Amino acid sequence: MPDENRLKIELCEYAALLWARGLIGGIEGNLSVRISEDLVLCTPSGLPKGHLKPDQIVLIDMHGTEKGSTGARLGFRESEAVKPNYRASSEIKMHLGIYQARPDIQAVVHAHPP
C-alpha cells in the first residue's frame, strides 16, 4: 500500500497548484487518489482547495462510506484527536465510478478551467 501520509501531502500540493494556475477557484474542483483496492483519499467539500492541510483529506471506501478525516488515524487515541468532521467532495461518486470502471486509474482530478 502506498504511503498514505505522503499521498495526503501530494493531494494538497496538487490542489494548491491547480488553484495557483487558475484551474480551480475557491471551493471548486476536487482530487482523489486510490490507496488500495478498496480505499480512496479525497479532498474535502466546502474548503478552499488552494490552502488544504493533510489532516483535512478524507478517507472513503469504494462503496462511498466515509472513514473520516485523518486525526484519529495519525496515531492518536480517538479521545485525544482533534478531528473536525470534514466531508468527502460532493463529486466523490464520479471519482468512485471511474475507479470501479478502470482499475488501472490511480488518481482523478476534477478541475474548472476558464
C-alpha atoms as a PDB file:
ATOM      1  CA  MET A   1       0.000   0.000   0.000  1.00  0.00           C
ATOM      2  CA  PRO A   2       1.335   3.492  -0.835  1.00  0.00           C
ATOM      3  CA  ASP A   3       2.408   5.838   1.965  1.00  0.00           C
ATOM      4  CA  GLU A   4      -0.920   7.375   2.993  1.00  0.00           C
ATOM      5  CA  ASN A   5       0.612  10.434   4.661  1.00  0.00           C
ATOM      6  CA  ARG A   6       2.737  11.231   1.601  1.00  0.00           C
ATOM      7  CA  LEU A   7      -0.323  10.940  -0.651  1.00  0.00           C
ATOM      8  CA  LYS A   8      -2.260  13.378   1.565  1.00  0.00           C
ATOM      9  CA  ILE A   9       0.560  15.888   1.239  1.00  0.00           C
ATOM     10  CA  GLU A  10       0.649  15.399  -2.532  1.00  0.00           C
ATOM     11  CA  LEU A  11      -3.123  15.882  -2.843  1.00  0.00           C
ATOM     12  CA  CYS A  12      -2.768  19.202  -1.005  1.00  0.00           C
ATOM     13  CA  GLU A  13       0.196  20.218  -3.191  1.00  0.00           C
ATOM     14  CA  TYR A  14      -1.611  19.414  -6.445  1.00  0.00           C
ATOM     15  CA  ALA A  15      -4.778  21.167  -5.284  1.00  0.00           C
ATOM     16  CA  ALA A  16      -2.710  24.267  -4.466  1.00  0.00           C
ATOM     17  CA  LEU A  17      -1.007  24.073  -7.873  1.00  0.00           C
ATOM     18  CA  LEU A  18      -4.360  23.857  -9.687  1.00  0.00           C
ATOM     19  CA  TRP A  19      -5.594  26.826  -7.645  1.00  0.00           C
ATOM     20  CA  ALA A  20      -2.422  28.861  -8.342  1.00  0.00           C
ATOM     21  CA  ARG A  21      -2.774  28.234 -12.083  1.00  0.00           C
ATOM     22  CA  GLY A  22      -6.431  29.293 -12.102  1.00  0.00           C
ATOM     23  CA  LEU A  23      -7.786  25.836 -12.916  1.00  0.00           C
ATOM     24  CA  ILE A  24      -9.904  25.761  -9.770  1.00  0.00           C
ATOM     25  CA  GLY A  25     -11.178  28.634  -7.678  1.00  0.00           C
ATOM     26  CA  GLY A  26     -12.385  28.868  -4.121  1.00  0.00           C
ATOM     27  CA  ILE A  27     -14.070  25.635  -3.133  1.00  0.00           C
ATOM     28  CA  GLU A  28     -14.433  24.360  -6.720  1.00  0.00           C
ATOM     29  CA  GLY A  29     -12.865  21.191  -8.039  1.00  0.00           C
ATOM     30  CA  ASN A  30     -11.746  18.049  -6.271  1.00  0.00           C
ATOM     31  CA  LEU A  31      -8.989  15.470  -6.327  1.00  0.00           C
ATOM     32  CA  SER A  32      -8.701  11.877  -5.202  1.00  0.00           C
ATOM     33  CA  VAL A  33      -6.112   9.123  -5.152  1.00  0.00           C
ATOM     34  CA  ARG A  34      -6.528   5.377  -4.770  1.00  0.00           C
ATOM     35  CA  ILE A  35      -4.536   3.989  -1.835  1.00  0.00           C
ATOM     36  CA  SER A  36      -5.696   0.383  -2.054  1.00  0.00           C
ATOM     37  CA  GLU A  37      -8.211  -1.749  -3.914  1.00  0.00           C
ATOM     38  CA  ASP A  38     -10.935  -0.571  -1.529  1.00  0.00           C
ATOM     39  CA  LEU A  39      -9.829   2.851  -0.232  1.00  0.00           C
ATOM     40  CA  VAL A  40      -9.507   6.342  -1.681  1.00  0.00           C
ATOM     41  CA  LEU A  41      -8.280   9.639  -0.267  1.00  0.00           C
ATOM     42  CA  CYS A  42     -10.159  12.723  -1.478  1.00  0.00           C
ATOM     43  CA  THR A  43     -10.255  16.448  -0.949  1.00  0.00           C
ATOM     44  CA  PRO A  44     -12.978  17.714   1.387  1.00  0.00           C
ATOM     45  CA  SER A  45     -16.119  19.518   0.363  1.00  0.00           C
ATOM     46  CA  GLY A  46     -16.559  23.197   1.154  1.00  0.00           C
ATOM     47  CA  LEU A  47     -12.920  24.145   1.768  1.00  0.00           C
ATOM     48  CA  PRO A  48     -10.667  26.296  -0.444  1.00  0.00           C
ATOM     49  CA  LYS A  49      -8.502  23.890  -2.426  1.00  0.00           C
ATOM     50  CA  GLY A  50      -5.561  26.304  -2.529  1.00  0.00           C
ATOM     51  CA  HIS A  51      -4.965  26.034   1.213  1.00  0.00           C
ATOM     52  CA  LEU A  52      -5.703  22.433   2.227  1.00  0.00           C
ATOM     53  CA  LYS A  53      -3.858  20.632   5.023  1.00  0.00           C
ATOM     54  CA  PRO A  54      -3.152  16.873   5.013  1.00  0.00           C
ATOM     55  CA  ASP A  55      -5.371  16.287   8.066  1.00  0.00           C
ATOM     56  CA  GLN A  56      -8.345  17.659   6.092  1.00  0.00           C
ATOM     57  CA  ILE A  57      -8.119  14.909   3.479  1.00  0.00           C
ATOM     58  CA  VAL A  58     -10.970  12.398   3.753  1.00  0.00           C
ATOM     59  CA  LEU A  59     -10.664   8.607   3.628  1.00  0.00           C
ATOM     60  CA  ILE A  60     -13.517   6.830   1.855  1.00  0.00           C
ATOM     61  CA  ASP A  61     -14.161   3.272   0.727  1.00  0.00           C
ATOM     62  CA  MET A  62     -15.261   2.183  -2.741  1.00  0.00           C
ATOM     63  CA  HIS A  63     -18.878   1.945  -1.561  1.00  0.00           C
ATOM     64  CA  GLY A  64     -18.887   5.656  -0.714  1.00  0.00           C
ATOM     65  CA  THR A  65     -18.687   5.177   3.051  1.00  0.00           C
ATOM     66  CA  GLU A  66     -16.584   7.858   4.673  1.00  0.00           C
ATOM     67  CA  LYS A  67     -13.988   6.539   7.057  1.00  0.00           C
ATOM     68  CA  GLY A  68     -13.379  10.050   8.367  1.00  0.00           C
ATOM     69  CA  SER A  69     -10.712  12.666   8.181  1.00  0.00           C
ATOM     70  CA  THR A  70      -7.349  11.657   9.435  1.00  0.00           C
ATOM     71  CA  GLY A  71      -6.988  12.962  13.005  1.00  0.00           C
ATOM     72  CA  ALA A  72      -7.566   9.593  14.687  1.00  0.00           C
ATOM     73  CA  ARG A  73      -5.543   7.743  12.036  1.00  0.00           C
ATOM     74  CA  LEU A  74      -2.347   9.647  12.872  1.00  0.00           C
ATOM     75  CA  GLY A  75      -1.592   7.588  15.965  1.00  0.00           C
ATOM     76  CA  PHE A  76      -3.780   9.447  18.449  1.00  0.00           C
ATOM     77  CA  ARG A  77      -6.390   7.736  20.541  1.00  0.00           C
ATOM     78  CA  GLU A  78      -9.861   8.754  19.392  1.00  0.00           C
ATOM     79  CA  SER A  79     -10.418  10.750  22.602  1.00  0.00           C
ATOM     80  CA  GLU A  80      -7.181  12.744  22.061  1.00  0.00           C
ATOM     81  CA  ALA A  81      -7.619  13.545  18.399  1.00  0.00           C
ATOM     82  CA  VAL A  82      -8.941  16.913  17.381  1.00  0.00           C
ATOM     83  CA  LYS A  83     -10.943  15.610  14.454  1.00  0.00           C
ATOM     84  CA  PRO A  84     -13.216  18.066  12.665  1.00  0.00           C
ATOM     85  CA  ASN A  85     -15.869  16.414  10.572  1.00  0.00           C
ATOM     86  CA  TYR A  86     -14.579  17.019   7.060  1.00  0.00           C
ATOM     87  CA  ARG A  87     -16.833  15.557   4.386  1.00  0.00           C
ATOM     88  CA  ALA A  88     -15.817  13.991   1.096  1.00  0.00           C
ATOM     89  CA  SER A  89     -16.242  16.013  -2.052  1.00  0.00           C
ATOM     90  CA  SER A  90     -19.797  16.116  -3.373  1.00  0.00           C
ATOM     91  CA  GLU A  91     -18.385  14.655  -6.611  1.00  0.00           C
ATOM     92  CA  ILE A  92     -16.982  11.524  -4.934  1.00  0.00           C
ATOM     93  CA  LYS A  93     -19.469   9.245  -6.727  1.00  0.00           C
ATOM     94  CA  MET A  94     -17.963  10.302 -10.054  1.00  0.00           C
ATOM     95  CA  HIS A  95     -14.471   9.502  -8.744  1.00  0.00           C
ATOM     96  CA  LEU A  96     -15.556   6.104  -7.401  1.00  0.00           C
ATOM     97  CA  GLY A  97     -17.271   5.257 -10.689  1.00  0.00           C
ATOM     98  CA  ILE A  98     -14.039   5.946 -12.549  1.00  0.00           C
ATOM     99  CA  TYR A  99     -12.005   3.805 -10.136  1.00  0.00           C
ATOM    100  CA  GLN A 100     -14.512   0.950 -10.363  1.00  0.00           C
ATOM    101  CA  ALA A 101     -14.677   1.055 -14.166  1.00  0.00           C
ATOM    102  CA  ARG A 102     -10.923   1.415 -14.605  1.00  0.00           C
ATOM    103  CA  PRO A 103      -8.814  -0.423 -12.000  1.00  0.00           C
ATOM    104  CA  ASP A 104      -5.681   0.955 -13.691  1.00  0.00           C
ATOM    105  CA  ILE A 105      -6.604   4.551 -12.780  1.00  0.00           C
ATOM    106  CA  GLN A 106      -4.808   5.687  -9.622  1.00  0.00           C
ATOM    107  CA  ALA A 107      -5.914   9.342  -9.329  1.00  0.00           C
ATOM    108  CA  VAL A 108      -8.748  11.599 -10.513  1.00  0.00           C
ATOM    109  CA  VAL A 109      -8.746  15.396 -10.869  1.00  0.00           C
ATOM    110  CA  HIS A 110     -11.929  17.396 -11.487  1.00  0.00           C
ATOM    111  CA  ALA A 111     -10.961  20.971 -12.364  1.00  0.00           C
ATOM    112  CA  HIS A 112     -12.903  24.027 -13.541  1.00  0.00           C
ATOM    113  CA  PRO A 113     -10.651  25.693 -16.121  1.00  0.00           C
ATOM    114  CA  PRO A 114     -11.792  29.021 -17.568  1.00  0.00           C
END
